[in-house]
Amino acid sequence: MKLSSIALATGLVCLIVASVSAQTSSPAAPSSPTSTVPVPATKRVTCLATTASLKGQDKRDQMQLCMAQARVDCLKQAIDQKVVGEPRKDFVKSCVGMESAEQ
């Protein structure tokens, strides 16, 4: 039962992340790196929601996996938008939801 719940949660996260990535990807690169804006609803919130029904070590494990996938997705988004250097680091953090974007 736990494995099917974990598989379902993982599948939902993948679907949510894929749909968010598809909606936020733009074919044209922005003119300046400072004009990039990540998705308002952070991926961290999605991870917290999908692991809410789990407890103990299962919850910690799934949260780590979800956040790792979120970081990869945000990094891919930053690369697609050609954000480099310190702005990329800030972009990924704000996209994942680890800290608010400072402007």
C-alpha atoms as a PDB file:
ATOM      1  CA  MET A   1       0.000   0.000   0.000  1.00  0.00           C
ATOM      2  CA  LYS A   2       2.815   2.415   0.850  1.00  0.00           C
ATOM      3  CA  LEU A   3       4.555   1.732  -2.453  1.00  0.00           C
ATOM      4  CA  SER A   4       1.397   2.433  -4.440  1.00  0.00           C
ATOM      5  CA  SER A   5       0.867   5.682  -2.494  1.00  0.00           C
ATOM      6  CA  ILE A   6       4.459   6.699  -3.152  1.00  0.00           C
ATOM      7  CA  ALA A   7       4.145   5.814  -6.825  1.00  0.00           C
ATOM      8  CA  LEU A   8       0.902   7.787  -7.086  1.00  0.00           C
ATOM      9  CA  ALA A   9       2.428  10.820  -5.351  1.00  0.00           C
ATOM     10  CA  THR A  10       5.510  10.660  -7.566  1.00  0.00           C
ATOM     11  CA  GLY A  11       3.345  10.397 -10.666  1.00  0.00           C
ATOM     12  CA  LEU A  12       1.274  13.393  -9.610  1.00  0.00           C
ATOM     13  CA  VAL A  13       4.398  15.450  -8.965  1.00  0.00           C
ATOM     14  CA  CYS A  14       5.752  14.570 -12.403  1.00  0.00           C
ATOM     15  CA  LEU A  15       2.471  15.545 -14.059  1.00  0.00           C
ATOM     16  CA  ILE A  16       2.271  18.830 -12.156  1.00  0.00           C
ATOM     17  CA  VAL A  17       5.897  19.699 -12.839  1.00  0.00           C
ATOM     18  CA  ALA A  18       5.539  18.788 -16.518  1.00  0.00           C
ATOM     19  CA  SER A  19       2.450  20.942 -16.936  1.00  0.00           C
ATOM     20  CA  VAL A  20       4.053  23.874 -15.112  1.00  0.00           C
ATOM     21  CA  SER A  21       7.216  23.523 -17.203  1.00  0.00           C
ATOM     22  CA  ALA A  22       5.208  23.406 -20.415  1.00  0.00           C
ATOM     23  CA  GLN A  23       3.302  26.540 -19.450  1.00  0.00           C
ATOM     24  CA  THR A  24       6.329  28.531 -18.320  1.00  0.00           C
ATOM     25  CA  SER A  25       8.749  27.665 -21.111  1.00  0.00           C
ATOM     26  CA  SER A  26       8.988  30.389 -23.693  1.00  0.00           C
ATOM     27  CA  PRO A  27      10.588  29.802 -27.081  1.00  0.00           C
ATOM     28  CA  ALA A  28      12.138  33.269 -27.188  1.00  0.00           C
ATOM     29  CA  ALA A  29      14.982  34.137 -24.848  1.00  0.00           C
ATOM     30  CA  PRO A  30      14.443  37.279 -22.738  1.00  0.00           C
ATOM     31  CA  SER A  31      16.479  40.355 -23.599  1.00  0.00           C
ATOM     32  CA  SER A  32      18.033  40.555 -20.137  1.00  0.00           C
ATOM     33  CA  PRO A  33      18.465  38.003 -17.332  1.00  0.00           C
ATOM     34  CA  THR A  34      16.832  40.341 -14.803  1.00  0.00           C
ATOM     35  CA  SER A  35      13.505  40.158 -16.635  1.00  0.00           C
ATOM     36  CA  THR A  36      12.988  36.453 -15.893  1.00  0.00           C
ATOM     37  CA  VAL A  37      10.159  35.695 -13.511  1.00  0.00           C
ATOM     38  CA  PRO A  38       9.656  32.192 -12.062  1.00  0.00           C
ATOM     39  CA  VAL A  39       6.252  30.600 -11.546  1.00  0.00           C
ATOM     40  CA  PRO A  40       4.466  32.313  -8.618  1.00  0.00           C
ATOM     41  CA  ALA A  41       3.280  29.063  -6.990  1.00  0.00           C
ATOM     42  CA  THR A  42       6.563  27.525  -5.962  1.00  0.00           C
ATOM     43  CA  LYS A  43       7.473  23.929  -6.521  1.00  0.00           C
ATOM     44  CA  ARG A  44       8.198  23.572  -2.801  1.00  0.00           C
ATOM     45  CA  VAL A  45       4.515  24.152  -2.063  1.00  0.00           C
ATOM     46  CA  THR A  46       3.651  21.393  -4.527  1.00  0.00           C
ATOM     47  CA  CYS A  47       6.111  19.037  -2.830  1.00  0.00           C
ATOM     48  CA  LEU A  48       4.658  19.812   0.584  1.00  0.00           C
ATOM     49  CA  ALA A  49       1.149  19.147  -0.706  1.00  0.00           C
ATOM     50  CA  THR A  50       2.041  15.825  -2.300  1.00  0.00           C
ATOM     51  CA  THR A  51       3.825  14.545   0.808  1.00  0.00           C
ATOM     52  CA  ALA A  52       1.154  15.713   3.274  1.00  0.00           C
ATOM     53  CA  SER A  53      -0.442  12.277   3.547  1.00  0.00           C
ATOM     54  CA  LEU A  54       2.868  10.534   4.285  1.00  0.00           C
ATOM     55  CA  LYS A  55       4.559  10.216   7.675  1.00  0.00           C
ATOM     56  CA  GLY A  56       7.991   9.626   9.101  1.00  0.00           C
ATOM     57  CA  GLN A  57      10.857   8.508   6.904  1.00  0.00           C
ATOM     58  CA  ASP A  58       8.575   8.024   3.869  1.00  0.00           C
ATOM     59  CA  LYS A  59       7.585  11.682   4.053  1.00  0.00           C
ATOM     60  CA  ARG A  60      11.203  12.853   4.377  1.00  0.00           C
ATOM     61  CA  ASP A  61      12.342  10.627   1.512  1.00  0.00           C
ATOM     62  CA  GLN A  62       9.585  11.748  -0.849  1.00  0.00           C
ATOM     63  CA  MET A  63      10.128  15.401   0.068  1.00  0.00           C
ATOM     64  CA  GLN A  64      13.837  15.084  -0.753  1.00  0.00           C
ATOM     65  CA  LEU A  65      13.096  13.409  -4.087  1.00  0.00           C
ATOM     66  CA  CYS A  66      10.460  15.976  -4.975  1.00  0.00           C
ATOM     67  CA  MET A  67      12.711  18.938  -4.091  1.00  0.00           C
ATOM     68  CA  ALA A  68      15.611  17.457  -6.049  1.00  0.00           C
ATOM     69  CA  GLN A  69      13.370  17.118  -9.117  1.00  0.00           C
ATOM     70  CA  ALA A  70      12.102  20.668  -8.568  1.00  0.00           C
ATOM     71  CA  ARG A  71      15.686  21.996  -8.518  1.00  0.00           C
ATOM     72  CA  VAL A  72      16.468  20.164 -11.766  1.00  0.00           C
ATOM     73  CA  ASP A  73      13.313  21.532 -13.403  1.00  0.00           C
ATOM     74  CA  CYS A  74      14.096  25.087 -12.269  1.00  0.00           C
ATOM     75  CA  LEU A  75      17.686  24.764 -13.477  1.00  0.00           C
ATOM     76  CA  LYS A  76      16.442  23.582 -16.881  1.00  0.00           C
ATOM     77  CA  GLN A  77      14.112  26.580 -16.993  1.00  0.00           C
ATOM     78  CA  ALA A  78      17.004  28.945 -16.143  1.00  0.00           C
ATOM     79  CA  ILE A  79      19.164  27.350 -18.848  1.00  0.00           C
ATOM     80  CA  ASP A  80      16.358  27.665 -21.421  1.00  0.00           C
ATOM     81  CA  GLN A  81      16.041  31.350 -20.516  1.00  0.00           C
ATOM     82  CA  LYS A  82      19.826  31.749 -20.702  1.00  0.00           C
ATOM     83  CA  VAL A  83      20.185  32.995 -17.123  1.00  0.00           C
ATOM     84  CA  VAL A  84      23.821  32.739 -15.999  1.00  0.00           C
ATOM     85  CA  GLY A  85      25.991  33.482 -12.966  1.00  0.00           C
ATOM     86  CA  GLU A  86      24.568  34.786  -9.701  1.00  0.00           C
ATOM     87  CA  PRO A  87      21.159  35.602 -11.261  1.00  0.00           C
ATOM     88  CA  ARG A  88      20.815  31.896 -12.166  1.00  0.00           C
ATOM     89  CA  LYS A  89      21.438  30.875  -8.562  1.00  0.00           C
ATOM     90  CA  ASP A  90      18.840  33.394  -7.351  1.00  0.00           C
ATOM     91  CA  PHE A  91      16.398  32.324 -10.071  1.00  0.00           C
ATOM     92  CA  VAL A  92      16.622  28.644  -9.122  1.00  0.00           C
ATOM     93  CA  LYS A  93      16.188  29.410  -5.413  1.00  0.00           C
ATOM     94  CA  SER A  94      13.142  31.584  -6.018  1.00  0.00           C
ATOM     95  CA  CYS A  95      11.678  29.107  -8.520  1.00  0.00           C
ATOM     96  CA  VAL A  96      12.009  26.211  -6.086  1.00  0.00           C
ATOM     97  CA  GLY A  97      10.696  28.354  -3.244  1.00  0.00           C
ATOM     98  CA  MET A  98      13.692  28.290  -0.940  1.00  0.00           C
ATOM     99  CA  GLU A  99      13.785  32.077  -0.628  1.00  0.00           C
ATOM    100  CA  SER A 100      11.888  34.978  -2.080  1.00  0.00           C
ATOM    101  CA  ALA A 101      13.230  36.761  -5.122  1.00  0.00           C
ATOM    102  CA  GLU A 102      15.054  39.933  -4.152  1.00  0.00           C
ATOM    103  CA  GLN A 103      14.788  42.800  -6.584  1.00  0.00           C
END
